[in-house]
């Protein structure tokens, strides 16, 4: 009988989060809007009403939860779409990998994940 060993807790473990998101492709004039399902500092999964091609690169903007009394916080990063699959009806599940992110943006996401 094999005992299950929990994986070590890392900073890149995805957590369930329902944040608003916007995806702006390099050649697009209008963003696609969606909601995150799972978030980490290195990747995220979100749902959206329009599909994108796997391998697409885009700027992803996230609206993070505030500290309680402050205004809204935002973070953005350059990402690459790893997978896009139809979930139900007209909703698509997209898995994004973070390619480029600033240190302050990464810290903002880490703080939001700890709330």
Protein backbone atom coordinates (compact mmCIF):
# COMPACT_ATOMS: atom_id res chain seq x y z
CA UNK A 1 0.00 0.00 0.00
CA UNK A 2 1.37 3.39 -0.99
CA UNK A 3 0.97 6.33 1.33
CA UNK A 4 -0.09 9.60 -0.21
CA UNK A 5 2.43 12.35 0.28
CA UNK A 6 1.20 15.92 -0.03
CA UNK A 7 3.24 18.02 -2.46
CA UNK A 8 5.36 20.70 -0.82
CA UNK A 9 3.65 24.07 -0.45
CA UNK A 10 5.13 26.41 -3.02
CA UNK A 11 4.44 29.97 -4.01
CA UNK A 12 3.13 28.71 -7.35
CA UNK A 13 0.28 26.63 -5.93
CA UNK A 14 -2.98 27.71 -7.56
CA UNK A 15 -5.80 28.87 -5.31
CA UNK A 16 -9.49 29.26 -6.11
CA UNK A 17 -10.28 32.91 -6.81
CA UNK A 18 -13.15 34.64 -8.60
CA UNK A 19 -11.61 37.88 -9.84
CA UNK A 20 -12.62 39.90 -12.87
CA UNK A 21 -10.19 39.60 -15.76
CA UNK A 22 -9.62 41.24 -19.14
CA UNK A 23 -7.50 39.84 -21.98
CA UNK A 24 -6.08 42.21 -24.58
CA UNK A 25 -4.38 40.60 -27.54
CA UNK A 26 -1.65 42.53 -29.33
CA UNK A 27 -3.70 42.98 -32.52
CA UNK A 28 -7.11 43.48 -30.87
CA UNK A 29 -8.91 46.75 -30.24
CA UNK A 30 -11.40 45.39 -27.68
CA UNK A 31 -10.55 43.21 -24.67
CA UNK A 32 -12.22 39.91 -23.82
CA UNK A 33 -13.76 39.87 -20.35
CA UNK A 34 -13.91 36.91 -18.01
CA UNK A 35 -13.51 35.60 -14.47
CA UNK A 36 -10.65 33.73 -12.89
CA UNK A 37 -11.25 30.24 -11.55
CA UNK A 38 -7.78 29.49 -10.14
CA UNK A 39 -4.80 31.82 -9.69
CA UNK A 40 -1.12 31.56 -8.81
CA UNK A 41 1.83 33.84 -9.45
CA UNK A 42 2.96 31.70 -12.40
CA UNK A 43 -0.31 30.66 -14.04
CA UNK A 44 -4.06 31.07 -13.93
CA UNK A 45 -7.25 29.52 -15.20
CA UNK A 46 -10.14 31.73 -16.25
CA UNK A 47 -13.46 31.43 -18.02
CA UNK A 48 -14.49 33.60 -20.94
CA UNK A 49 -17.27 33.69 -23.55
CA UNK A 50 -14.98 33.73 -26.59
CA UNK A 51 -12.28 31.21 -27.50
CA UNK A 52 -8.70 32.05 -28.37
CA UNK A 53 -6.11 29.97 -30.17
CA UNK A 54 -3.71 27.96 -28.05
CA UNK A 55 -0.30 29.59 -28.05
CA UNK A 56 -1.79 33.10 -28.29
CA UNK A 57 0.04 35.81 -26.35
CA UNK A 58 -1.81 38.64 -24.70
CA UNK A 59 -1.77 41.12 -21.85
CA UNK A 60 -3.96 39.84 -18.99
CA UNK A 61 -5.40 42.31 -16.49
CA UNK A 62 -6.78 41.23 -13.11
CA UNK A 63 -8.95 43.15 -10.66
CA UNK A 64 -7.68 42.10 -7.23
CA UNK A 65 -9.62 42.25 -3.98
CA UNK A 66 -8.85 45.36 -1.95
CA UNK A 67 -7.53 45.64 1.60
CA UNK A 68 -10.97 46.36 3.03
CA UNK A 69 -11.31 50.13 2.89
CA UNK A 70 -9.24 51.05 -0.12
CA UNK A 71 -10.09 51.21 -3.77
CA UNK A 72 -9.72 48.50 -6.33
CA UNK A 73 -6.31 47.03 -7.04
CA UNK A 74 -5.15 45.88 -10.45
CA UNK A 75 -2.34 43.68 -11.71
CA UNK A 76 -1.33 42.80 -15.24
CA UNK A 77 1.13 40.50 -16.97
CA UNK A 78 2.12 39.23 -20.39
CA UNK A 79 0.85 35.69 -20.79
CA UNK A 80 0.64 32.76 -23.17
CA UNK A 81 -2.51 30.66 -23.61
CA UNK A 82 -1.69 27.00 -22.97
CA UNK A 83 -5.16 25.50 -23.46
CA UNK A 84 -8.67 26.63 -24.35
CA UNK A 85 -11.57 24.19 -23.95
CA UNK A 86 -15.34 24.48 -24.11
CA UNK A 87 -16.84 24.13 -20.61
CA UNK A 88 -20.60 24.50 -21.01
CA UNK A 89 -22.91 26.49 -23.22
CA UNK A 90 -20.72 29.24 -24.60
CA UNK A 91 -18.12 29.45 -21.80
CA UNK A 92 -14.49 28.55 -22.44
CA UNK A 93 -11.88 27.52 -19.88
CA UNK A 94 -8.48 29.07 -20.57
CA UNK A 95 -5.20 28.13 -18.95
CA UNK A 96 -2.60 30.92 -19.05
CA UNK A 97 1.12 30.87 -18.24
CA UNK A 98 2.74 34.07 -16.97
CA UNK A 99 5.60 35.07 -19.29
CA UNK A 100 6.52 38.53 -18.02
CA UNK A 101 5.39 40.21 -14.82
CA UNK A 102 6.80 43.10 -12.82
CA UNK A 103 7.92 42.58 -9.23
CA UNK A 104 5.24 44.92 -7.84
CA UNK A 105 2.54 43.15 -9.89
CA UNK A 106 3.68 39.74 -8.59
CA UNK A 107 3.64 41.03 -5.00
CA UNK A 108 0.13 42.42 -5.45
CA UNK A 109 -1.10 39.02 -6.65
CA UNK A 110 0.67 37.25 -3.76
CA UNK A 111 -0.96 39.60 -1.22
CA UNK A 112 -4.38 39.07 -2.82
CA UNK A 113 -3.95 35.29 -2.68
CA UNK A 114 -3.21 35.49 1.06
CA UNK A 115 -6.50 37.25 1.81
